[in-house]
């Protein structure tokens, strides 16, 4: 999860702001879903 987060942030800063914001939001949803899964 840590490495995926790092890659997501690098990708997010390499694109336009709105697209980067969407990428970060999507990563947060995915990470929370994985971390909170039972």
PDB file of N, CA and C in Angstrom:
ATOM      1  N   UNK A   1       0.838  -1.190   0.000  1.00  0.00           N
ATOM      2  CA  UNK A   1       0.000   0.000   0.000  1.00  0.00           C
ATOM      3  C   UNK A   1       0.878   1.247   0.000  1.00  0.00           C
ATOM      4  N   UNK A   2       1.956   1.212   0.773  1.00  0.00           N
ATOM      5  CA  UNK A   2       2.838   2.375   0.862  1.00  0.00           C
ATOM      6  C   UNK A   2       3.432   2.721  -0.502  1.00  0.00           C
ATOM      7  N   UNK A   3       3.944   1.731  -1.216  1.00  0.00           N
ATOM      8  CA  UNK A   3       4.554   1.988  -2.522  1.00  0.00           C
ATOM      9  C   UNK A   3       3.517   2.448  -3.534  1.00  0.00           C
ATOM     10  N   UNK A   4       2.318   1.900  -3.463  1.00  0.00           N
ATOM     11  CA  UNK A   4       1.257   2.347  -4.369  1.00  0.00           C
ATOM     12  C   UNK A   4       0.883   3.793  -4.084  1.00  0.00           C
ATOM     13  N   UNK A   5       0.870   4.168  -2.816  1.00  0.00           N
ATOM     14  CA  UNK A   5       0.564   5.551  -2.450  1.00  0.00           C
ATOM     15  C   UNK A   5       1.614   6.503  -2.986  1.00  0.00           C
ATOM     16  N   UNK A   6       2.855   6.106  -2.870  1.00  0.00           N
ATOM     17  CA  UNK A   6       3.950   6.928  -3.385  1.00  0.00           C
ATOM     18  C   UNK A   6       3.828   7.103  -4.902  1.00  0.00           C
ATOM     19  N   UNK A   7       3.535   6.025  -5.603  1.00  0.00           N
ATOM     20  CA  UNK A   7       3.371   6.091  -7.059  1.00  0.00           C
ATOM     21  C   UNK A   7       2.161   6.942  -7.435  1.00  0.00           C
ATOM     22  N   UNK A   8       1.086   6.820  -6.674  1.00  0.00           N
ATOM     23  CA  UNK A   8      -0.120   7.617  -6.949  1.00  0.00           C
ATOM     24  C   UNK A   8       0.169   9.106  -6.786  1.00  0.00           C
ATOM     25  N   UNK A   9       0.933   9.466  -5.767  1.00  0.00           N
ATOM     26  CA  UNK A   9       1.249  10.879  -5.552  1.00  0.00           C
ATOM     27  C   UNK A   9       2.154  11.419  -6.663  1.00  0.00           C
ATOM     28  N   UNK A  10       3.127  10.606  -7.096  1.00  0.00           N
ATOM     29  CA  UNK A  10       3.993  11.043  -8.201  1.00  0.00           C
ATOM     30  C   UNK A  10       3.175  11.257  -9.467  1.00  0.00           C
ATOM     31  N   UNK A  11       2.252  10.348  -9.732  1.00  0.00           N
ATOM     32  CA  UNK A  11       1.389  10.489 -10.899  1.00  0.00           C
ATOM     33  C   UNK A  11       0.502  11.724 -10.757  1.00  0.00           C
ATOM     34  N   UNK A  12      -0.053  11.935  -9.577  1.00  0.00           N
ATOM     35  CA  UNK A  12      -0.971  13.053  -9.354  1.00  0.00           C
ATOM     36  C   UNK A  12      -0.298  14.403  -9.601  1.00  0.00           C
ATOM     37  N   UNK A  13       0.972  14.530  -9.248  1.00  0.00           N
ATOM     38  CA  UNK A  13       1.629  15.826  -9.456  1.00  0.00           C
ATOM     39  C   UNK A  13       2.136  16.003 -10.887  1.00  0.00           C
ATOM     40  N   UNK A  14       2.062  14.926 -11.675  1.00  0.00           N
ATOM     41  CA  UNK A  14       2.544  15.027 -13.056  1.00  0.00           C
ATOM     42  C   UNK A  14       1.435  15.383 -14.045  1.00  0.00           C
ATOM     43  N   UNK A  15       0.207  15.471 -13.564  1.00  0.00           N
ATOM     44  CA  UNK A  15      -0.930  15.795 -14.433  1.00  0.00           C
ATOM     45  C   UNK A  15      -1.561  17.107 -13.973  1.00  0.00           C
ATOM     46  N   UNK A  16      -2.587  17.549 -14.682  1.00  0.00           N
ATOM     47  CA  UNK A  16      -3.266  18.787 -14.294  1.00  0.00           C
ATOM     48  C   UNK A  16      -3.912  18.636 -12.922  1.00  0.00           C
ATOM     49  N   UNK A  17      -4.144  19.761 -12.255  1.00  0.00           N
ATOM     50  CA  UNK A  17      -4.615  19.769 -10.870  1.00  0.00           C
ATOM     51  C   UNK A  17      -5.904  18.968 -10.668  1.00  0.00           C
ATOM     52  N   UNK A  18      -6.897  19.193 -11.504  1.00  0.00           N
ATOM     53  CA  UNK A  18      -8.179  18.498 -11.314  1.00  0.00           C
ATOM     54  C   UNK A  18      -8.023  16.989 -11.460  1.00  0.00           C
ATOM     55  N   UNK A  19      -7.263  16.569 -12.449  1.00  0.00           N
ATOM     56  CA  UNK A  19      -7.041  15.136 -12.637  1.00  0.00           C
ATOM     57  C   UNK A  19      -6.246  14.565 -11.465  1.00  0.00           C
ATOM     58  N   UNK A  20      -5.251  15.312 -10.994  1.00  0.00           N
ATOM     59  CA  UNK A  20      -4.470  14.880  -9.837  1.00  0.00           C
ATOM     60  C   UNK A  20      -5.334  14.730  -8.598  1.00  0.00           C
ATOM     61  N   UNK A  21      -6.249  15.682  -8.392  1.00  0.00           N
ATOM     62  CA  UNK A  21      -7.165  15.597  -7.251  1.00  0.00           C
ATOM     63  C   UNK A  21      -8.036  14.348  -7.343  1.00  0.00           C
ATOM     64  N   UNK A  22      -8.503  14.028  -8.549  1.00  0.00           N
ATOM     65  CA  UNK A  22      -9.324  12.819  -8.734  1.00  0.00           C
ATOM     66  C   UNK A  22      -8.500  11.555  -8.465  1.00  0.00           C
ATOM     67  N   UNK A  23      -7.245  11.554  -8.907  1.00  0.00           N
ATOM     68  CA  UNK A  23      -6.377  10.395  -8.655  1.00  0.00           C
ATOM     69  C   UNK A  23      -6.147  10.186  -7.160  1.00  0.00           C
ATOM     70  N   UNK A  24      -5.895  11.275  -6.445  1.00  0.00           N
ATOM     71  CA  UNK A  24      -5.663  11.177  -5.003  1.00  0.00           C
ATOM     72  C   UNK A  24      -6.925  10.683  -4.299  1.00  0.00           C
ATOM     73  N   UNK A  25      -8.071  11.214  -4.682  1.00  0.00           N
ATOM     74  CA  UNK A  25      -9.332  10.782  -4.069  1.00  0.00           C
ATOM     75  C   UNK A  25      -9.583   9.296  -4.335  1.00  0.00           C
ATOM     76  N   UNK A  26      -9.326   8.861  -5.556  1.00  0.00           N
ATOM     77  CA  UNK A  26      -9.529   7.451  -5.902  1.00  0.00           C
ATOM     78  C   UNK A  26      -8.568   6.567  -5.105  1.00  0.00           C
ATOM     79  N   UNK A  27      -7.323   6.997  -4.957  1.00  0.00           N
ATOM     80  CA  UNK A  27      -6.359   6.216  -4.182  1.00  0.00           C
ATOM     81  C   UNK A  27      -6.790   6.129  -2.718  1.00  0.00           C
ATOM     82  N   UNK A  28      -7.258   7.248  -2.160  1.00  0.00           N
ATOM     83  CA  UNK A  28      -7.705   7.243  -0.761  1.00  0.00           C
ATOM     84  C   UNK A  28      -8.847   6.251  -0.556  1.00  0.00           C
ATOM     85  N   UNK A  29      -9.819   6.262  -1.471  1.00  0.00           N
ATOM     86  CA  UNK A  29     -10.945   5.326  -1.359  1.00  0.00           C
ATOM     87  C   UNK A  29     -10.451   3.880  -1.417  1.00  0.00           C
ATOM     88  N   UNK A  30      -9.560   3.601  -2.369  1.00  0.00           N
ATOM     89  CA  UNK A  30      -9.050   2.244  -2.522  1.00  0.00           C
ATOM     90  C   UNK A  30      -8.248   1.814  -1.281  1.00  0.00           C
ATOM     91  N   UNK A  31      -7.398   2.686  -0.791  1.00  0.00           N
ATOM     92  CA  UNK A  31      -6.562   2.347   0.360  1.00  0.00           C
ATOM     93  C   UNK A  31      -7.418   2.115   1.603  1.00  0.00           C
ATOM     94  N   UNK A  32      -8.384   2.978   1.840  1.00  0.00           N
ATOM     95  CA  UNK A  32      -9.251   2.796   3.002  1.00  0.00           C
ATOM     96  C   UNK A  32     -10.042   1.498   2.900  1.00  0.00           C
ATOM     97  N   UNK A  33     -10.535   1.197   1.724  1.00  0.00           N
ATOM     98  CA  UNK A  33     -11.289  -0.045   1.521  1.00  0.00           C
ATOM     99  C   UNK A  33     -10.402  -1.254   1.849  1.00  0.00           C
ATOM    100  N   UNK A  34      -9.147  -1.223   1.420  1.00  0.00           N
ATOM    101  CA  UNK A  34      -8.232  -2.339   1.681  1.00  0.00           C
ATOM    102  C   UNK A  34      -7.829  -2.412   3.154  1.00  0.00           C
ATOM    103  N   UNK A  35      -7.553  -1.269   3.755  1.00  0.00           N
ATOM    104  CA  UNK A  35      -7.089  -1.258   5.139  1.00  0.00           C
ATOM    105  C   UNK A  35      -8.196  -1.604   6.130  1.00  0.00           C
ATOM    106  N   UNK A  36      -9.439  -1.275   5.790  1.00  0.00           N
ATOM    107  CA  UNK A  36     -10.550  -1.514   6.707  1.00  0.00           C
ATOM    108  C   UNK A  36     -11.286  -2.821   6.424  1.00  0.00           C
ATOM    109  N   UNK A  37     -10.854  -3.553   5.414  1.00  0.00           N
ATOM    110  CA  UNK A  37     -11.506  -4.823   5.071  1.00  0.00           C
ATOM    111  C   UNK A  37     -11.298  -5.840   6.189  1.00  0.00           C
ATOM    112  N   UNK A  38     -12.299  -6.630   6.395  1.00  0.00           N
ATOM    113  CA  UNK A  38     -12.196  -7.641   7.462  1.00  0.00           C
ATOM    114  C   UNK A  38     -11.807  -8.978   6.914  1.00  0.00           C
TER     115      UNK A  38
END
